[in-house]
C-alpha atoms as a PDB file:
ATOM      1  CA  MET A   1       0.000   0.000   0.000  1.00  0.00           C
ATOM      2  CA  ASP A   2       1.170   3.552  -0.738  1.00  0.00           C
ATOM      3  CA  ARG A   3       3.441   4.795   2.049  1.00  0.00           C
ATOM      4  CA  LEU A   4       2.029   8.312   2.141  1.00  0.00           C
ATOM      5  CA  LEU A   5      -1.505   6.953   2.253  1.00  0.00           C
ATOM      6  CA  THR A   6      -0.662   4.783   5.248  1.00  0.00           C
ATOM      7  CA  LEU A   7       0.887   7.823   6.961  1.00  0.00           C
ATOM      8  CA  GLU A   8      -2.330   9.779   6.342  1.00  0.00           C
ATOM      9  CA  MET A   9      -4.311   6.867   7.771  1.00  0.00           C
ATOM     10  CA  PHE A  10      -2.068   6.715  10.854  1.00  0.00           C
ATOM     11  CA  VAL A  11      -2.425  10.447  11.549  1.00  0.00           C
ATOM     12  CA  ALA A  12      -6.191  10.265  10.984  1.00  0.00           C
ATOM     13  CA  VAL A  13      -6.675   7.316  13.367  1.00  0.00           C
ATOM     14  CA  ALA A  14      -4.571   9.069  16.031  1.00  0.00           C
ATOM     15  CA  GLY A  15      -6.474  12.318  15.590  1.00  0.00           C
ATOM     16  CA  GLU A  16      -9.957  10.818  15.386  1.00  0.00           C
ATOM     17  CA  GLY A  17      -9.438   8.157  18.040  1.00  0.00           C
ATOM     18  CA  GLY A  18     -10.672   5.239  15.969  1.00  0.00           C
ATOM     19  CA  PHE A  19     -10.581   3.412  12.649  1.00  0.00           C
ATOM     20  CA  ALA A  20     -14.190   4.102  11.664  1.00  0.00           C
ATOM     21  CA  ALA A  21     -13.912   7.840  12.386  1.00  0.00           C
ATOM     22  CA  ALA A  22     -10.623   8.011  10.479  1.00  0.00           C
ATOM     23  CA  ALA A  23     -12.216   6.224   7.524  1.00  0.00           C
ATOM     24  CA  ARG A  24     -15.052   8.767   7.439  1.00  0.00           C
ATOM     25  CA  LYS A  25     -12.574  11.642   7.508  1.00  0.00           C
ATOM     26  CA  LEU A  26     -10.528  10.151   4.669  1.00  0.00           C
ATOM     27  CA  GLY A  27     -13.514   9.073   2.585  1.00  0.00           C
ATOM     28  CA  SER A  28     -12.385   5.477   2.877  1.00  0.00           C
ATOM     29  CA  SER A  29     -13.669   2.324   4.595  1.00  0.00           C
ATOM     30  CA  PRO A  30     -12.754   0.925   8.047  1.00  0.00           C
ATOM     31  CA  PRO A  31     -11.314  -2.298   6.566  1.00  0.00           C
ATOM     32  CA  ALA A  32      -9.088  -0.280   4.216  1.00  0.00           C
ATOM     33  CA  VAL A  33      -7.804   1.841   7.098  1.00  0.00           C
ATOM     34  CA  THR A  34      -7.230  -1.273   9.199  1.00  0.00           C
ATOM     35  CA  ARG A  35      -5.206  -2.830   6.392  1.00  0.00           C
ATOM     36  CA  GLY A  36      -3.244   0.388   5.928  1.00  0.00           C
ATOM     37  CA  ILE A  37      -2.267   0.593   9.609  1.00  0.00           C
ATOM     38  CA  ALA A  38      -1.319  -3.088   9.592  1.00  0.00           C
ATOM     39  CA  ALA A  39       0.896  -2.515   6.543  1.00  0.00           C
ATOM     40  CA  LEU A  40       2.553   0.493   8.186  1.00  0.00           C
ATOM     41  CA  GLU A  41       3.184  -1.433  11.410  1.00  0.00           C
ATOM     42  CA  ALA A  42       4.656  -4.330   9.432  1.00  0.00           C
ATOM     43  CA  ARG A  43       6.934  -1.982   7.511  1.00  0.00           C
ATOM     44  CA  LEU A  44       8.103  -0.233  10.708  1.00  0.00           C
ATOM     45  CA  GLY A  45       8.354  -3.458  12.703  1.00  0.00           C
ATOM     46  CA  THR A  46       6.433  -2.066  15.675  1.00  0.00           C
ATOM     47  CA  THR A  47       2.907  -1.708  17.012  1.00  0.00           C
ATOM     48  CA  LEU A  48       1.511   1.823  16.744  1.00  0.00           C
ATOM     49  CA  PHE A  49      -1.861   1.371  18.462  1.00  0.00           C
ATOM     50  CA  HIS A  50      -3.293  -0.523  21.402  1.00  0.00           C
ATOM     51  CA  ARG A  51      -6.617  -1.907  20.154  1.00  0.00           C
ATOM     52  CA  SER A  52      -9.632  -2.987  22.190  1.00  0.00           C
ATOM     53  CA  THR A  53     -13.338  -3.359  21.515  1.00  0.00           C
ATOM     54  CA  ARG A  54     -13.915   0.042  23.101  1.00  0.00           C
ATOM     55  CA  ALA A  55     -10.962   2.238  22.207  1.00  0.00           C
ATOM     56  CA  VAL A  56      -7.825   2.737  20.165  1.00  0.00           C
ATOM     57  CA  ALA A  57      -4.822   4.344  21.861  1.00  0.00           C
ATOM     58  CA  LEU A  58      -1.299   5.120  20.723  1.00  0.00           C
ATOM     59  CA  THR A  59       1.537   2.976  21.983  1.00  0.00           C
ATOM     60  CA  ASP A  60       4.703   4.708  23.174  1.00  0.00           C
ATOM     61  CA  ALA A  61       6.218   4.049  19.744  1.00  0.00           C
ATOM     62  CA  GLY A  62       3.111   5.415  18.035  1.00  0.00           C
ATOM     63  CA  ALA A  63       3.146   8.580  20.143  1.00  0.00           C
ATOM     64  CA  ALA A  64       6.823   9.129  19.320  1.00  0.00           C
ATOM     65  CA  PHE A  65       6.147   8.630  15.598  1.00  0.00           C
ATOM     66  CA  LEU A  66       3.058  10.856  15.407  1.00  0.00           C
ATOM     67  CA  ASP A  67       4.782  14.267  15.345  1.00  0.00           C
ATOM     68  CA  GLN A  68       7.223  13.030  12.685  1.00  0.00           C
ATOM     69  CA  ALA A  69       4.385  11.717  10.541  1.00  0.00           C
ATOM     70  CA  ARG A  70       2.501  14.996  10.804  1.00  0.00           C
ATOM     71  CA  ARG A  71       5.622  16.937   9.895  1.00  0.00           C
ATOM     72  CA  ILE A  72       6.277  14.734   6.840  1.00  0.00           C
ATOM     73  CA  LEU A  73       2.740  15.273   5.556  1.00  0.00           C
ATOM     74  CA  ALA A  74       2.920  19.023   6.228  1.00  0.00           C
ATOM     75  CA  GLU A  75       6.233  19.337   4.389  1.00  0.00           C
ATOM     76  CA  LEU A  76       4.863  17.381   1.427  1.00  0.00           C
ATOM     77  CA  ALA A  77       1.798  19.611   1.258  1.00  0.00           C
ATOM     78  CA  GLY A  78       4.052  22.676   1.375  1.00  0.00           C
ATOM     79  CA  ALA A  79       6.274  21.336  -1.389  1.00  0.00           C
ATOM     80  CA  GLU A  80       3.230  20.676  -3.577  1.00  0.00           C
ATOM     81  CA  ARG A  81       1.935  24.200  -2.989  1.00  0.00           C
ATOM     82  CA  GLU A  82       5.352  25.671  -3.831  1.00  0.00           C
ATOM     83  CA  LEU A  83       5.549  23.617  -7.016  1.00  0.00           C
ATOM     84  CA  ARG A  84       2.102  24.857  -8.095  1.00  0.00           C
ATOM     85  CA  GLY A  85       3.505  28.351  -8.059  1.00  0.00           C
ATOM     86  CA  ALA A  86       5.178  30.154  -5.194  1.00  0.00           C
ATOM     87  CA  ALA A  87       4.630  33.524  -6.828  1.00  0.00           C
ATOM     88  CA  ALA A  88       0.977  32.889  -7.678  1.00  0.00           C
ATOM     89  CA  GLU A  89      -1.883  35.112  -6.590  1.00  0.00           C
ATOM     90  CA  PRO A  90      -2.846  34.203  -2.999  1.00  0.00           C
ATOM     91  CA  ARG A  91      -6.026  32.165  -2.859  1.00  0.00           C
ATOM     92  CA  GLY A  92      -7.736  29.643  -0.648  1.00  0.00           C
ATOM     93  CA  GLN A  93      -7.799  29.805   3.134  1.00  0.00           C
ATOM     94  CA  LEU A  94      -5.185  31.456   5.334  1.00  0.00           C
ATOM     95  CA  HIS A  95      -5.495  30.135   8.904  1.00  0.00           C
ATOM     96  CA  LEU A  96      -4.268  32.559  11.588  1.00  0.00           C
ATOM     97  CA  THR A  97      -4.228  32.681  15.373  1.00  0.00           C
ATOM     98  CA  ALA A  98      -3.399  35.605  17.684  1.00  0.00           C
ATOM     99  CA  PRO A  99      -4.129  36.905  21.193  1.00  0.00           C
ATOM    100  CA  VAL A 100      -7.645  38.380  21.318  1.00  0.00           C
ATOM    101  CA  MET A 101      -6.865  42.088  21.678  1.00  0.00           C
ATOM    102  CA  PHE A 102      -3.712  42.021  19.557  1.00  0.00           C
ATOM    103  CA  GLY A 103      -5.690  40.286  16.839  1.00  0.00           C
ATOM    104  CA  ARG A 104      -8.503  42.814  16.994  1.00  0.00           C
ATOM    105  CA  LEU A 105      -6.205  45.852  17.014  1.00  0.00           C
ATOM    106  CA  HIS A 106      -3.439  44.800  14.631  1.00  0.00           C
ATOM    107  CA  VAL A 107      -4.155  41.529  12.807  1.00  0.00           C
ATOM    108  CA  LEU A 108      -7.722  42.212  11.706  1.00  0.00           C
ATOM    109  CA  PRO A 109      -6.840  45.485   9.874  1.00  0.00           C
ATOM    110  CA  VAL A 110      -4.075  43.641   7.990  1.00  0.00           C
ATOM    111  CA  VAL A 111      -6.473  40.836   7.111  1.00  0.00           C
ATOM    112  CA  GLY A 112      -9.048  43.330   5.870  1.00  0.00           C
ATOM    113  CA  ASP A 113      -6.539  44.986   3.553  1.00  0.00           C
ATOM    114  CA  LEU A 114      -5.311  41.654   2.173  1.00  0.00           C
ATOM    115  CA  MET A 115      -8.849  40.434   1.488  1.00  0.00           C
ATOM    116  CA  ALA A 116      -9.702  43.694  -0.257  1.00  0.00           C
ATOM    117  CA  GLN A 117      -6.645  43.362  -2.523  1.00  0.00           C
ATOM    118  CA  HIS A 118      -6.965  39.626  -3.230  1.00  0.00           C
ATOM    119  CA  ARG A 119     -10.524  38.529  -3.953  1.00  0.00           C
ATOM    120  CA  ASP A 120      -9.741  34.785  -3.945  1.00  0.00           C
ATOM    121  CA  LEU A 121      -8.237  34.858  -0.453  1.00  0.00           C
ATOM    122  CA  MET A 122     -10.258  33.591   2.511  1.00  0.00           C
ATOM    123  CA  VAL A 123      -9.112  33.903   6.130  1.00  0.00           C
ATOM    124  CA  ARG A 124      -9.942  31.947   9.255  1.00  0.00           C
ATOM    125  CA  MET A 125      -8.864  33.732  12.449  1.00  0.00           C
ATOM    126  CA  MET A 126      -8.664  32.071  15.855  1.00  0.00           C
ATOM    127  CA  LEU A 127      -8.390  34.854  18.439  1.00  0.00           C
ATOM    128  CA  ILE A 128      -7.585  33.231  21.770  1.00  0.00           C
ATOM    129  CA  ASP A 129      -5.404  34.165  24.731  1.00  0.00           C
ATOM    130  CA  ARG A 130      -3.506  30.894  24.851  1.00  0.00           C
ATOM    131  CA  ASN A 131      -1.007  29.200  22.580  1.00  0.00           C
ATOM    132  CA  VAL A 132      -2.581  26.593  20.303  1.00  0.00           C
ATOM    133  CA  ARG A 133      -0.760  23.666  18.691  1.00  0.00           C
ATOM    134  CA  ILE A 134      -0.012  24.971  15.213  1.00  0.00           C
ATOM    135  CA  VAL A 135       0.335  21.716  13.282  1.00  0.00           C
ATOM    136  CA  GLU A 136      -2.591  19.965  14.957  1.00  0.00           C
ATOM    137  CA  GLU A 137      -4.938  22.937  14.510  1.00  0.00           C
ATOM    138  CA  GLY A 138      -3.951  23.460  10.865  1.00  0.00           C
ATOM    139  CA  ILE A 139      -2.639  26.981  11.545  1.00  0.00           C
ATOM    140  CA  ASP A 140      -0.622  28.730   8.823  1.00  0.00           C
ATOM    141  CA  VAL A 141       0.688  31.596  10.988  1.00  0.00           C
ATOM    142  CA  ALA A 142       0.488  32.211  14.743  1.00  0.00           C
ATOM    143  CA  VAL A 143       1.148  35.579  16.384  1.00  0.00           C
ATOM    144  CA  ARG A 144       3.070  35.055  19.617  1.00  0.00           C
ATOM    145  CA  VAL A 145       3.886  37.744  22.193  1.00  0.00           C
ATOM    146  CA  GLY A 146       6.771  36.928  24.511  1.00  0.00           C
ATOM    147  CA  PRO A 147       9.686  34.464  24.533  1.00  0.00           C
ATOM    148  CA  LEU A 148       9.354  31.387  22.333  1.00  0.00           C
ATOM    149  CA  ALA A 149       9.894  27.779  23.321  1.00  0.00           C
ATOM    150  CA  ASP A 150      12.340  25.775  21.234  1.00  0.00           C
ATOM    151  CA  SER A 151      10.623  24.019  18.330  1.00  0.00           C
ATOM    152  CA  GLY A 152      11.064  23.102  14.707  1.00  0.00           C
ATOM    153  CA  LEU A 153       8.876  26.031  13.682  1.00  0.00           C
ATOM    154  CA  LYS A 154      10.165  29.118  11.878  1.00  0.00           C
ATOM    155  CA  ALA A 155       9.869  32.452  13.697  1.00  0.00           C
ATOM    156  CA  VAL A 156       9.997  35.953  12.239  1.00  0.00           C
ATOM    157  CA  ARG A 157      10.246  38.839  14.695  1.00  0.00           C
ATOM    158  CA  VAL A 158       7.935  41.658  13.625  1.00  0.00           C
ATOM    159  CA  GLY A 159       7.830  43.930  16.678  1.00  0.00           C
ATOM    160  CA  ALA A 160       8.026  44.318  20.448  1.00  0.00           C
ATOM    161  CA  VAL A 161       5.775  45.421  23.311  1.00  0.00           C
ATOM    162  CA  ARG A 162       6.406  46.499  26.892  1.00  0.00           C
ATOM    163  CA  GLN A 163       4.871  45.794  30.254  1.00  0.00           C
ATOM    164  CA  MET A 164       3.177  48.840  31.756  1.00  0.00           C
ATOM    165  CA  LEU A 165       1.575  49.524  35.125  1.00  0.00           C
ATOM    166  CA  VAL A 166      -1.376  51.902  34.976  1.00  0.00           C
ATOM    167  CA  ALA A 167      -4.106  53.363  37.125  1.00  0.00           C
ATOM    168  CA  SER A 168      -6.876  55.897  36.613  1.00  0.00           C
ATOM    169  CA  PRO A 169      -6.592  59.558  37.653  1.00  0.00           C
ATOM    170  CA  ALA A 170      -9.400  58.951  40.165  1.00  0.00           C
ATOM    171  CA  TYR A 171      -7.549  56.060  41.807  1.00  0.00           C
ATOM    172  CA  LEU A 172      -4.306  58.056  41.997  1.00  0.00           C
ATOM    173  CA  ALA A 173      -6.126  61.046  43.491  1.00  0.00           C
ATOM    174  CA  ARG A 174      -7.556  58.753  46.168  1.00  0.00           C
ATOM    175  CA  ARG A 175      -4.541  56.530  46.917  1.00  0.00           C
ATOM    176  CA  GLY A 176      -1.529  58.325  45.479  1.00  0.00           C
ATOM    177  CA  ALA A 177       1.011  56.935  43.001  1.00  0.00           C
ATOM    178  CA  PRO A 178       3.627  54.351  44.037  1.00  0.00           C
ATOM    179  CA  ALA A 179       7.113  55.853  44.007  1.00  0.00           C
ATOM    180  CA  THR A 180       8.927  52.513  44.083  1.00  0.00           C
ATOM    181  CA  VAL A 181       8.132  48.890  43.285  1.00  0.00           C
ATOM    182  CA  ALA A 182       7.979  48.146  47.019  1.00  0.00           C
ATOM    183  CA  ASP A 183       5.155  50.698  47.365  1.00  0.00           C
ATOM    184  CA  LEU A 184       2.865  48.387  45.367  1.00  0.00           C
ATOM    185  CA  ALA A 185       2.379  46.340  48.531  1.00  0.00           C
ATOM    186  CA  GLY A 186       0.130  49.105  49.880  1.00  0.00           C
ATOM    187  CA  HIS A 187      -2.061  49.386  46.764  1.00  0.00           C
ATOM    188  CA  GLU A 188      -5.088  47.665  45.282  1.00  0.00           C
ATOM    189  CA  LEU A 189      -3.985  45.484  42.359  1.00  0.00           C
ATOM    190  CA  ILE A 190      -6.041  44.060  39.497  1.00  0.00           C
ATOM    191  CA  GLY A 191      -5.122  40.531  38.458  1.00  0.00           C
ATOM    192  CA  THR A 192      -5.957  38.486  35.394  1.00  0.00           C
ATOM    193  CA  MET A 193      -6.645  34.800  34.810  1.00  0.00           C
ATOM    194  CA  GLY A 194      -4.923  34.930  31.417  1.00  0.00           C
ATOM    195  CA  PRO A 195      -1.576  33.386  30.387  1.00  0.00           C
ATOM    196  CA  ARG A 196       0.373  36.433  31.615  1.00  0.00           C
ATOM    197  CA  TRP A 197      -0.828  35.988  35.198  1.00  0.00           C
ATOM    198  CA  THR A 198       1.958  35.220  37.644  1.00  0.00           C
ATOM    199  CA  SER A 199       2.504  35.806  41.348  1.00  0.00           C
ATOM    200  CA  GLU A 200       5.766  37.584  40.461  1.00  0.00           C
ATOM    201  CA  TRP A 201       5.855  40.809  38.449  1.00  0.00           C
ATOM    202  CA  GLN A 202       8.995  41.556  36.445  1.00  0.00           C
ATOM    203  CA  PHE A 203      10.684  44.969  36.696  1.00  0.00           C
ATOM    204  CA  ALA A 204      13.999  46.444  35.591  1.00  0.00           C
ATOM    205  CA  SER A 205      15.323  46.056  39.139  1.00  0.00           C
ATOM    206  CA  GLY A 206      14.173  42.439  39.439  1.00  0.00           C
ATOM    207  CA  ARG A 207      11.103  40.419  40.325  1.00  0.00           C
ATOM    208  CA  TRP A 208       8.532  41.559  42.888  1.00  0.00           C
ATOM    209  CA  ARG A 209       6.409  38.886  44.515  1.00  0.00           C
ATOM    210  CA  LEU A 210       2.764  39.486  45.373  1.00  0.00           C
ATOM    211  CA  ASP A 211       2.280  38.472  49.022  1.00  0.00           C
ATOM    212  CA  ALA A 212      -1.370  37.600  48.390  1.00  0.00           C
ATOM    213  CA  PRO A 213      -3.648  37.275  45.349  1.00  0.00           C
ATOM    214  CA  PRO A 214      -5.199  40.569  44.190  1.00  0.00           C
ATOM    215  CA  ARG A 215      -8.639  41.330  45.623  1.00  0.00           C
ATOM    216  CA  LEU A 216      -9.962  41.701  42.069  1.00  0.00           C
ATOM    217  CA  VAL A 217      -9.152  39.159  39.347  1.00  0.00           C
ATOM    218  CA  VAL A 218     -10.675  39.478  35.851  1.00  0.00           C
ATOM    219  CA  ASN A 219     -10.457  36.906  33.063  1.00  0.00           C
ATOM    220  CA  THR A 220     -10.179  39.202  30.012  1.00  0.00           C
ATOM    221  CA  VAL A 221      -7.951  42.110  29.045  1.00  0.00           C
ATOM    222  CA  ASP A 222     -11.010  44.243  28.271  1.00  0.00           C
ATOM    223  CA  GLY A 223     -12.277  43.515  31.780  1.00  0.00           C
ATOM    224  CA  VAL A 224      -8.971  44.483  33.384  1.00  0.00           C
ATOM    225  CA  LEU A 225      -8.954  47.732  31.379  1.00  0.00           C
ATOM    226  CA  ALA A 226     -12.510  48.553  32.416  1.00  0.00           C
ATOM    227  CA  ALA A 227     -11.698  47.870  36.071  1.00  0.00           C
ATOM    228  CA  ALA A 228      -8.593  50.074  35.928  1.00  0.00           C
ATOM    229  CA  GLU A 229     -10.485  52.908  34.225  1.00  0.00           C
ATOM    230  CA  ALA A 230     -13.185  52.609  36.904  1.00  0.00           C
ATOM    231  CA  GLY A 231     -10.553  53.325  39.569  1.00  0.00           C
ATOM    232  CA  LEU A 232     -10.520  49.865  41.127  1.00  0.00           C
ATOM    233  CA  GLY A 233      -6.750  49.507  41.266  1.00  0.00           C
ATOM    234  CA  ILE A 234      -3.420  49.230  39.442  1.00  0.00           C
ATOM    235  CA  ALA A 235      -3.253  46.976  36.382  1.00  0.00           C
ATOM    236  CA  ASN A 236      -0.250  45.257  34.788  1.00  0.00           C
ATOM    237  CA  LEU A 237      -0.786  45.089  31.021  1.00  0.00           C
ATOM    238  CA  LEU A 238       1.105  45.408  27.737  1.00  0.00           C
ATOM    239  CA  SER A 239       1.780  48.642  25.861  1.00  0.00           C
ATOM    240  CA  TYR A 240      -0.356  47.756  22.808  1.00  0.00           C
ATOM    241  CA  GLN A 241      -3.324  47.088  25.089  1.00  0.00           C
ATOM    242  CA  LEU A 242      -2.926  50.476  26.760  1.00  0.00           C
ATOM    243  CA  ALA A 243      -2.078  52.818  23.884  1.00  0.00           C
ATOM    244  CA  GLU A 244      -5.567  54.283  23.434  1.00  0.00           C
ATOM    245  CA  PRO A 245      -6.618  54.763  27.107  1.00  0.00           C
ATOM    246  CA  VAL A 246      -3.186  56.189  28.047  1.00  0.00           C
ATOM    247  CA  ASP A 247      -3.178  58.590  25.080  1.00  0.00           C
ATOM    248  CA  ALA A 248      -6.719  59.673  26.030  1.00  0.00           C
ATOM    249  CA  GLY A 249      -5.708  60.266  29.664  1.00  0.00           C
ATOM    250  CA  ARG A 250      -8.100  57.688  31.106  1.00  0.00           C
ATOM    251  CA  LEU A 251      -5.138  55.741  32.488  1.00  0.00           C
ATOM    252  CA  ILE A 252      -1.779  56.983  33.766  1.00  0.00           C
ATOM    253  CA  SER A 253       1.503  55.094  33.334  1.00  0.00           C
ATOM    254  CA  LEU A 254       3.291  54.279  36.616  1.00  0.00           C
ATOM    255  CA  LEU A 255       6.894  53.388  37.467  1.00  0.00           C
ATOM    256  CA  ALA A 256       8.016  53.941  33.878  1.00  0.00           C
ATOM    257  CA  ASP A 257      11.683  53.784  34.929  1.00  0.00           C
ATOM    258  CA  GLU A 258      11.098  50.253  36.171  1.00  0.00           C
ATOM    259  CA  GLN A 259       9.808  48.819  32.873  1.00  0.00           C
ATOM    260  CA  PRO A 260      11.485  45.460  32.153  1.00  0.00           C
ATOM    261  CA  PRO A 261      12.996  44.628  28.746  1.00  0.00           C
ATOM    262  CA  ALA A 262      10.561  44.588  25.847  1.00  0.00           C
ATOM    263  CA  LEU A 263       8.766  41.382  24.893  1.00  0.00           C
ATOM    264  CA  PRO A 264       9.199  40.277  21.262  1.00  0.00           C
ATOM    265  CA  VAL A 265       6.282  39.781  18.880  1.00  0.00           C
ATOM    266  CA  HIS A 266       6.886  36.891  16.481  1.00  0.00           C
ATOM    267  CA  LEU A 267       5.044  35.261  13.627  1.00  0.00           C
ATOM    268  CA  LEU A 268       5.408  31.502  13.992  1.00  0.00           C
ATOM    269  CA  PHE A 269       4.795  28.989  11.201  1.00  0.00           C
ATOM    270  CA  GLU A 270       5.841  25.657   9.735  1.00  0.00           C
ATOM    271  CA  PRO A 271       8.885  26.114   7.426  1.00  0.00           C
ATOM    272  CA  SER A 272       6.872  24.529   4.620  1.00  0.00           C
ATOM    273  CA  ARG A 273       4.367  27.410   4.829  1.00  0.00           C
ATOM    274  CA  ALA A 274       7.014  30.057   4.067  1.00  0.00           C
ATOM    275  CA  ALA A 275       6.537  29.750   0.296  1.00  0.00           C
ATOM    276  CA  LEU A 276       2.787  30.323   0.406  1.00  0.00           C
ATOM    277  CA  PRO A 277       1.963  33.674  -1.250  1.00  0.00           C
ATOM    278  CA  ALA A 278      -0.609  34.524   1.426  1.00  0.00           C
ATOM    279  CA  VAL A 279       1.858  33.809   4.226  1.00  0.00           C
ATOM    280  CA  ARG A 280       4.572  35.961   2.633  1.00  0.00           C
ATOM    281  CA  LEU A 281       2.139  38.839   2.117  1.00  0.00           C
ATOM    282  CA  PHE A 282       0.802  38.544   5.672  1.00  0.00           C
ATOM    283  CA  ILE A 283       4.312  38.647   7.170  1.00  0.00           C
ATOM    284  CA  ASP A 284       5.283  41.730   5.165  1.00  0.00           C
ATOM    285  CA  ALA A 285       1.981  43.464   5.987  1.00  0.00           C
ATOM    286  CA  MET A 286       2.349  42.748   9.725  1.00  0.00           C
ATOM    287  CA  LYS A 287       5.876  44.172   9.747  1.00  0.00           C
ATOM    288  CA  ALA A 288       4.600  47.371   8.115  1.00  0.00           C
ATOM    289  CA  ARG A 289       1.571  47.566  10.430  1.00  0.00           C
ATOM    290  CA  LEU A 290       3.648  47.287  13.616  1.00  0.00           C
ATOM    291  CA  ARG A 291       6.233  49.789  12.360  1.00  0.00           C
ATOM    292  CA  MET A 292       3.433  52.318  11.749  1.00  0.00           C
ATOM    293  CA  ALA A 293       1.992  51.598  15.220  1.00  0.00           C
ATOM    294  CA  GLY A 294       5.372  52.210  16.877  1.00  0.00           C
ATOM    295  CA  LEU A 295       5.746  48.538  17.807  1.00  0.00           C
ATOM    296  CA  GLY A 296       8.207  47.565  15.084  1.00  0.00           C
END
């Protein structure tokens, strides 16, 4: 049986959790998928799945092989796309993911311009404040804010953002502004349940540990902003999230001399995606967008 077909069957069974579900996804039949997995296991000389009447689960060898199989299929798909014409007009779907507010403020305008210029381009955006698995979710490009973990993915740095502490004029009139990092211990703080939440805040002079959880914890950036503007405490957010309310005077920057080093903004993608016309255009457009916004 065709080697690539058996790889596709293996990835489908692992992803769908069963032979019948994998067959439906591939437009094949359960017996054909069963034969394909058996042929692959015979060729590799190992068992890839534990089988029972109720479930199918990867063996240790199968789990180790899964990421390699996915990468092989992704690289093949990328090579086919490149061969069909790397300089062709972008068309089809471009799958993107980004943090919610960053996506709304900076990715969506870029997407709108690209769609207006290229009528055959469709875009699927996943705006979510957590890192998703790029290969498994079928993502072409992910926007990541902050340090990157080591991986086989390609990263292009397109900008940088900074941590900022802010409070409303009303809060500062009532409680005063902290003069040092240590002064934060006497203030009301607004926490978040998002991926940036930590019990230690980073500053230029080092880390400052919160002795107790903040009295107010909000699960979205918009909620933290609203709470800060309402005078409920001091918020720790990123510069791109605060540009408009700080410029408008609704929030005041605090301890600016204590800002830690900037956090990088990267575009992350499978190397095989680099030749896609839509990916190349999106990368160039994001670089230009962040330069214009003062984040480049």
